[in-house]
C-alpha atoms as a PDB file:
ATOM      1  CA  MET A   1       0.000   0.000   0.000  1.00  0.00           C
ATOM      2  CA  ALA A   2       2.817   2.402   0.864  1.00  0.00           C
ATOM      3  CA  LEU A   3       4.574   1.583  -2.423  1.00  0.00           C
ATOM      4  CA  ALA A   4       1.392   2.440  -4.347  1.00  0.00           C
ATOM      5  CA  GLY A   5       1.269   5.826  -2.604  1.00  0.00           C
ATOM      6  CA  VAL A   6       4.910   6.554  -3.458  1.00  0.00           C
ATOM      7  CA  VAL A   7       4.333   5.594  -7.110  1.00  0.00           C
ATOM      8  CA  LEU A   8       1.234   7.799  -7.265  1.00  0.00           C
ATOM      9  CA  LEU A   9       3.074  10.787  -5.805  1.00  0.00           C
ATOM     10  CA  ALA A  10       6.041  10.284  -8.127  1.00  0.00           C
ATOM     11  CA  GLY A  11       3.727  10.155 -11.150  1.00  0.00           C
ATOM     12  CA  CYS A  12       1.920  13.345 -10.151  1.00  0.00           C
ATOM     13  CA  GLY A  13       5.164  15.213  -9.671  1.00  0.00           C
ATOM     14  CA  SER A  14       6.675  14.364 -13.036  1.00  0.00           C
ATOM     15  CA  LEU A  15       5.699  17.573 -14.859  1.00  0.00           C
ATOM     16  CA  PRO A  16       6.111  21.159 -13.714  1.00  0.00           C
ATOM     17  CA  GLN A  17       2.765  22.916 -13.318  1.00  0.00           C
ATOM     18  CA  ALA A  18       3.801  26.315 -14.703  1.00  0.00           C
ATOM     19  CA  THR A  19       4.594  27.683 -18.142  1.00  0.00           C
ATOM     20  CA  ARG A  20       8.239  28.326 -18.931  1.00  0.00           C
ATOM     21  CA  THR A  21       7.631  31.522 -20.917  1.00  0.00           C
ATOM     22  CA  ALA A  22       4.798  33.036 -18.833  1.00  0.00           C
ATOM     23  CA  VAL A  23       2.754  33.462 -22.043  1.00  0.00           C
ATOM     24  CA  ILE A  24      -0.778  32.045 -21.802  1.00  0.00           C
ATOM     25  CA  HIS A  25      -3.070  31.512 -24.805  1.00  0.00           C
ATOM     26  CA  ASN A  26      -6.764  30.962 -24.028  1.00  0.00           C
ATOM     27  CA  ILE A  27      -9.052  28.769 -26.105  1.00  0.00           C
ATOM     28  CA  LYS A  28     -12.637  29.542 -25.137  1.00  0.00           C
ATOM     29  CA  PHE A  29     -15.682  27.317 -25.354  1.00  0.00           C
ATOM     30  CA  GLU A  30     -18.719  29.559 -25.747  1.00  0.00           C
ATOM     31  CA  GLU A  31     -21.145  29.202 -28.653  1.00  0.00           C
ATOM     32  CA  HIS A  32     -18.124  27.908 -30.602  1.00  0.00           C
ATOM     33  CA  MET A  33     -14.526  27.036 -29.764  1.00  0.00           C
ATOM     34  CA  THR A  34     -12.275  30.039 -30.450  1.00  0.00           C
ATOM     35  CA  PRO A  35      -9.677  30.248 -31.732  1.00  0.00           C
ATOM     36  CA  ALA A  36      -9.800  26.969 -33.634  1.00  0.00           C
ATOM     37  CA  ASP A  37      -6.265  27.436 -34.975  1.00  0.00           C
ATOM     38  CA  LEU A  38      -3.494  28.715 -32.750  1.00  0.00           C
ATOM     39  CA  THR A  39       0.255  29.249 -33.191  1.00  0.00           C
ATOM     40  CA  ILE A  40       2.358  29.386 -30.029  1.00  0.00           C
ATOM     41  CA  HIS A  41       6.031  29.171 -29.055  1.00  0.00           C
ATOM     42  CA  VAL A  42       7.697  26.272 -27.275  1.00  0.00           C
ATOM     43  CA  GLY A  43       7.014  26.632 -23.541  1.00  0.00           C
ATOM     44  CA  ASP A  44       3.900  28.813 -23.925  1.00  0.00           C
ATOM     45  CA  GLU A  45       0.808  27.628 -22.081  1.00  0.00           C
ATOM     46  CA  VAL A  46      -2.463  26.743 -23.811  1.00  0.00           C
ATOM     47  CA  ARG A  47      -5.504  27.066 -21.548  1.00  0.00           C
ATOM     48  CA  TRP A  48      -8.886  25.676 -22.588  1.00  0.00           C
ATOM     49  CA  VAL A  49     -11.733  27.397 -20.680  1.00  0.00           C
ATOM     50  CA  ASN A  50     -15.369  26.253 -20.683  1.00  0.00           C
ATOM     51  CA  TYR A  51     -17.681  29.283 -20.452  1.00  0.00           C
ATOM     52  CA  ARG A  52     -20.703  27.109 -21.300  1.00  0.00           C
ATOM     53  CA  THR A  53     -23.206  25.692 -18.805  1.00  0.00           C
ATOM     54  CA  LEU A  54     -22.801  22.180 -20.258  1.00  0.00           C
ATOM     55  CA  PRO A  55     -19.664  20.002 -20.147  1.00  0.00           C
ATOM     56  CA  VAL A  56     -16.999  20.028 -22.852  1.00  0.00           C
ATOM     57  CA  MET A  57     -14.621  17.209 -23.783  1.00  0.00           C
ATOM     58  CA  ILE A  58     -11.160  17.896 -25.220  1.00  0.00           C
ATOM     59  CA  ASP A  59      -9.759  14.988 -27.227  1.00  0.00           C
ATOM     60  CA  ILE A  60      -6.048  15.127 -28.214  1.00  0.00           C
ATOM     61  CA  PRO A  61      -5.121  11.827 -29.920  1.00  0.00           C
ATOM     62  CA  GLY A  62      -1.550  10.728 -29.224  1.00  0.00           C
ATOM     63  CA  LEU A  63      -0.981  13.129 -26.303  1.00  0.00           C
ATOM     64  CA  ASN A  64       1.769  11.889 -23.981  1.00  0.00           C
ATOM     65  CA  ALA A  65       3.948  13.240 -21.172  1.00  0.00           C
ATOM     66  CA  GLU A  66       7.098  13.374 -23.338  1.00  0.00           C
ATOM     67  CA  MET A  67       5.484  16.207 -25.375  1.00  0.00           C
ATOM     68  CA  LEU A  68       4.828  18.400 -22.351  1.00  0.00           C
ATOM     69  CA  SER A  69       6.641  20.752 -20.022  1.00  0.00           C
ATOM     70  CA  CYS A  70       3.485  21.412 -17.948  1.00  0.00           C
ATOM     71  CA  GLU A  71      -0.063  20.163 -17.635  1.00  0.00           C
ATOM     72  CA  SER A  72      -3.131  20.627 -15.505  1.00  0.00           C
ATOM     73  CA  GLY A  73      -6.426  18.861 -16.053  1.00  0.00           C
ATOM     74  CA  PHE A  74      -5.084  16.103 -18.325  1.00  0.00           C
ATOM     75  CA  SER A  75      -3.780  13.815 -15.549  1.00  0.00           C
ATOM     76  CA  GLY A  76      -4.957  10.243 -15.402  1.00  0.00           C
ATOM     77  CA  MET A  77      -5.793   8.240 -12.317  1.00  0.00           C
ATOM     78  CA  PHE A  78      -2.184   7.184 -11.684  1.00  0.00           C
ATOM     79  CA  GLY A  79      -0.536  10.477 -12.658  1.00  0.00           C
ATOM     80  CA  GLY A  80      -0.031   9.756 -16.360  1.00  0.00           C
ATOM     81  CA  VAL A  81      -1.284  12.075 -19.085  1.00  0.00           C
ATOM     82  CA  GLN A  82      -4.607  11.179 -20.689  1.00  0.00           C
ATOM     83  CA  GLU A  83      -5.741  12.057 -24.233  1.00  0.00           C
ATOM     84  CA  VAL A  84      -9.278  13.099 -23.231  1.00  0.00           C
ATOM     85  CA  THR A  85     -10.399  15.417 -20.468  1.00  0.00           C
ATOM     86  CA  LYS A  86     -13.797  16.754 -19.441  1.00  0.00           C
ATOM     87  CA  LEU A  87     -14.385  20.363 -18.419  1.00  0.00           C
ATOM     88  CA  GLY A  88     -17.473  21.277 -16.452  1.00  0.00           C
ATOM     89  CA  ALA A  89     -18.933  24.789 -16.514  1.00  0.00           C
ATOM     90  CA  ASN A  90     -16.261  27.418 -15.738  1.00  0.00           C
ATOM     91  CA  GLU A  91     -13.475  24.834 -15.545  1.00  0.00           C
ATOM     92  CA  SER A  92     -10.160  24.924 -17.404  1.00  0.00           C
ATOM     93  CA  ALA A  93      -7.274  22.654 -18.381  1.00  0.00           C
ATOM     94  CA  ASN A  94      -3.739  23.634 -19.450  1.00  0.00           C
ATOM     95  CA  LEU A  95      -0.823  22.230 -21.440  1.00  0.00           C
ATOM     96  CA  CYS A  96       2.674  23.514 -22.318  1.00  0.00           C
ATOM     97  CA  PHE A  97       4.531  21.830 -25.186  1.00  0.00           C
ATOM     98  CA  LYS A  98       8.299  21.446 -24.927  1.00  0.00           C
ATOM     99  CA  SER A  99       9.190  21.028 -28.608  1.00  0.00           C
ATOM    100  CA  VAL A 100       8.114  22.064 -32.101  1.00  0.00           C
ATOM    101  CA  ILE A 101       5.006  20.063 -33.049  1.00  0.00           C
ATOM    102  CA  VAL A 102       1.586  20.342 -34.690  1.00  0.00           C
ATOM    103  CA  ILE A 103      -1.283  19.069 -32.543  1.00  0.00           C
ATOM    104  CA  SER A 104      -4.745  18.321 -33.937  1.00  0.00           C
ATOM    105  CA  TYR A 105      -7.585  17.918 -31.460  1.00  0.00           C
ATOM    106  CA  ASN A 106     -11.369  18.043 -31.128  1.00  0.00           C
ATOM    107  CA  GLY A 107     -13.594  20.035 -28.811  1.00  0.00           C
ATOM    108  CA  ARG A 108     -16.793  18.112 -28.129  1.00  0.00           C
ATOM    109  CA  MET A 109     -19.568  20.313 -26.749  1.00  0.00           C
ATOM    110  CA  ARG A 110     -22.950  19.090 -25.550  1.00  0.00           C
ATOM    111  CA  SER A 111     -25.575  20.693 -27.757  1.00  0.00           C
ATOM    112  CA  ALA A 112     -29.281  20.909 -28.541  1.00  0.00           C
ATOM    113  CA  ALA A 113     -28.323  20.160 -32.170  1.00  0.00           C
ATOM    114  CA  PRO A 114     -29.302  16.804 -33.673  1.00  0.00           C
ATOM    115  CA  GLY A 115     -27.141  14.103 -32.112  1.00  0.00           C
ATOM    116  CA  GLY A 116     -26.644  16.160 -28.960  1.00  0.00           C
ATOM    117  CA  MET A 117     -22.966  16.892 -29.637  1.00  0.00           C
ATOM    118  CA  GLN A 118     -21.238  19.721 -31.481  1.00  0.00           C
ATOM    119  CA  ILE A 119     -17.712  18.698 -32.531  1.00  0.00           C
ATOM    120  CA  GLU A 120     -15.210  21.359 -33.573  1.00  0.00           C
ATOM    121  CA  PRO A 121     -11.664  20.577 -34.737  1.00  0.00           C
ATOM    122  CA  GLY A 122      -8.679  22.578 -33.565  1.00  0.00           C
ATOM    123  CA  THR A 123      -4.990  22.829 -34.410  1.00  0.00           C
ATOM    124  CA  ILE A 124      -2.099  24.061 -32.284  1.00  0.00           C
ATOM    125  CA  ARG A 125       1.177  24.813 -34.071  1.00  0.00           C
ATOM    126  CA  VAL A 126       4.091  24.967 -31.680  1.00  0.00           C
ATOM    127  CA  VAL A 127       7.017  26.871 -33.206  1.00  0.00           C
ATOM    128  CA  ALA A 128      10.584  27.517 -32.021  1.00  0.00           C
ATOM    129  CA  PRO A 129      11.069  30.219 -29.395  1.00  0.00           C
ATOM    130  CA  LYS A 130      11.919  33.713 -30.553  1.00  0.00           C
END
């Protein structure tokens, strides 16, 4: 039991929880997800914020800890990074990417539209620091 606690704490402490550049880019979920396309620098923080009254799911296929220099809201049960996270009303989740990469993801918003789900694609282009 004690070993499980140590492993859990070690997993949770593997990523710093702050941006390296102090630059934060917000992606807002309101009527739509904006901006859908975003270009940032290595080490900048991306913050997804749900301003809706219904939950939002963020799905980033292939997301793993080796890509990140910080994260909040994408942690799995045992401290690993998960590809999908759910944001309730007025909740947020953050990621910082540590290398040049292009990330494609989907924002899945509960909706009154047919099917009950509005899905909007997004792209984050992480470029070299200035």
